Amino acid sequence: MEELPWRRPSLCGDGNNCPEVAITGDTVHLRSSLRPTEVTQLTPTEWRDLLTAVRNGEFDV
């Protein structure tokens, strides 16, 4: 797998349980810092839909 430009939220600092995202061309890659070899890929549309759902509280318990 190519080396990706992974980014994590600034609130995570050096924590080891953070979401990480890398955006390349037409793909958004997601992973957990706890499992860096397990990567999910989304299209930009799927990424926007996911962010909208999170912002709207659709995953709140």
C-alpha atoms as a PDB file:
ATOM      1  CA  MET A   1       0.000   0.000   0.000  1.00  0.00           C
ATOM      2  CA  GLU A   2       1.255   3.467  -0.849  1.00  0.00           C
ATOM      3  CA  GLU A   3       2.244   5.835   1.947  1.00  0.00           C
ATOM      4  CA  LEU A   4      -0.743   8.074   2.646  1.00  0.00           C
ATOM      5  CA  PRO A   5      -0.824  11.571   4.214  1.00  0.00           C
ATOM      6  CA  TRP A   6      -2.662  10.555   7.403  1.00  0.00           C
ATOM      7  CA  ARG A   7      -4.175  13.280   9.585  1.00  0.00           C
ATOM      8  CA  ARG A   8      -5.908  13.092  12.946  1.00  0.00           C
ATOM      9  CA  PRO A   9      -7.992  15.570  14.954  1.00  0.00           C
ATOM     10  CA  SER A  10      -5.893  18.055  16.897  1.00  0.00           C
ATOM     11  CA  LEU A  11      -7.756  17.083  20.088  1.00  0.00           C
ATOM     12  CA  CYS A  12      -6.126  13.648  19.899  1.00  0.00           C
ATOM     13  CA  GLY A  13      -2.619  15.008  20.338  1.00  0.00           C
ATOM     14  CA  ASP A  14      -0.347  11.993  20.707  1.00  0.00           C
ATOM     15  CA  GLY A  15      -3.185   9.732  21.878  1.00  0.00           C
ATOM     16  CA  ASN A  16      -3.391   6.185  20.600  1.00  0.00           C
ATOM     17  CA  ASN A  17      -7.149   5.846  20.098  1.00  0.00           C
ATOM     18  CA  CYS A  18      -7.962   8.343  17.363  1.00  0.00           C
ATOM     19  CA  PRO A  19      -9.608   8.358  13.958  1.00  0.00           C
ATOM     20  CA  GLU A  20      -7.272   9.152  11.089  1.00  0.00           C
ATOM     21  CA  VAL A  21      -8.099  10.289   7.559  1.00  0.00           C
ATOM     22  CA  ALA A  22      -6.094  10.580   4.336  1.00  0.00           C
ATOM     23  CA  ILE A  23      -7.609  12.222   1.260  1.00  0.00           C
ATOM     24  CA  THR A  24      -6.117  11.374  -2.123  1.00  0.00           C
ATOM     25  CA  GLY A  25      -7.575  12.164  -5.529  1.00  0.00           C
ATOM     26  CA  ASP A  26     -11.074  10.689  -5.513  1.00  0.00           C
ATOM     27  CA  THR A  27     -10.720   8.514  -2.378  1.00  0.00           C
ATOM     28  CA  VAL A  28     -11.018   9.226   1.346  1.00  0.00           C
ATOM     29  CA  HIS A  29      -9.190   6.662   3.493  1.00  0.00           C
ATOM     30  CA  LEU A  30     -10.239   6.135   7.124  1.00  0.00           C
ATOM     31  CA  ARG A  31      -8.613   4.123   9.900  1.00  0.00           C
ATOM     32  CA  SER A  32      -8.236   3.919  13.654  1.00  0.00           C
ATOM     33  CA  SER A  33      -4.837   4.628  15.155  1.00  0.00           C
ATOM     34  CA  LEU A  34      -5.353   1.409  17.148  1.00  0.00           C
ATOM     35  CA  ARG A  35      -5.611  -0.631  13.923  1.00  0.00           C
ATOM     36  CA  PRO A  36      -3.585   1.230  11.298  1.00  0.00           C
ATOM     37  CA  THR A  37      -3.548  -1.679   8.824  1.00  0.00           C
ATOM     38  CA  GLU A  38      -7.367  -1.798   8.628  1.00  0.00           C
ATOM     39  CA  VAL A  39      -8.351   0.953   6.193  1.00  0.00           C
ATOM     40  CA  THR A  40     -11.801   1.834   4.865  1.00  0.00           C
ATOM     41  CA  GLN A  41     -12.171   3.719   1.610  1.00  0.00           C
ATOM     42  CA  LEU A  42     -14.982   6.143   0.812  1.00  0.00           C
ATOM     43  CA  THR A  43     -15.859   8.312  -2.153  1.00  0.00           C
ATOM     44  CA  PRO A  44     -15.993  12.070  -1.518  1.00  0.00           C
ATOM     45  CA  THR A  45     -19.815  11.850  -1.595  1.00  0.00           C
ATOM     46  CA  GLU A  46     -19.841   9.068   1.008  1.00  0.00           C
ATOM     47  CA  TRP A  47     -17.409  11.089   3.150  1.00  0.00           C
ATOM     48  CA  ARG A  48     -19.646  14.190   2.991  1.00  0.00           C
ATOM     49  CA  ASP A  49     -22.681  12.049   3.880  1.00  0.00           C
ATOM     50  CA  LEU A  50     -20.833  10.535   6.854  1.00  0.00           C
ATOM     51  CA  LEU A  51     -19.738  13.950   8.151  1.00  0.00           C
ATOM     52  CA  THR A  52     -23.273  15.311   7.749  1.00  0.00           C
ATOM     53  CA  ALA A  53     -24.708  12.359   9.685  1.00  0.00           C
ATOM     54  CA  VAL A  54     -22.162  12.805  12.488  1.00  0.00           C
ATOM     55  CA  ARG A  55     -22.869  16.550  12.701  1.00  0.00           C
ATOM     56  CA  ASN A  56     -26.619  15.865  12.803  1.00  0.00           C
ATOM     57  CA  GLY A  57     -26.200  13.448  15.716  1.00  0.00           C
ATOM     58  CA  GLU A  58     -27.382  10.380  13.794  1.00  0.00           C
ATOM     59  CA  PHE A  59     -24.858   8.196  15.627  1.00  0.00           C
ATOM     60  CA  ASP A  60     -25.431   9.595  19.117  1.00  0.00           C
ATOM     61  CA  VAL A  61     -26.485   6.968  21.595  1.00  0.00           C
END
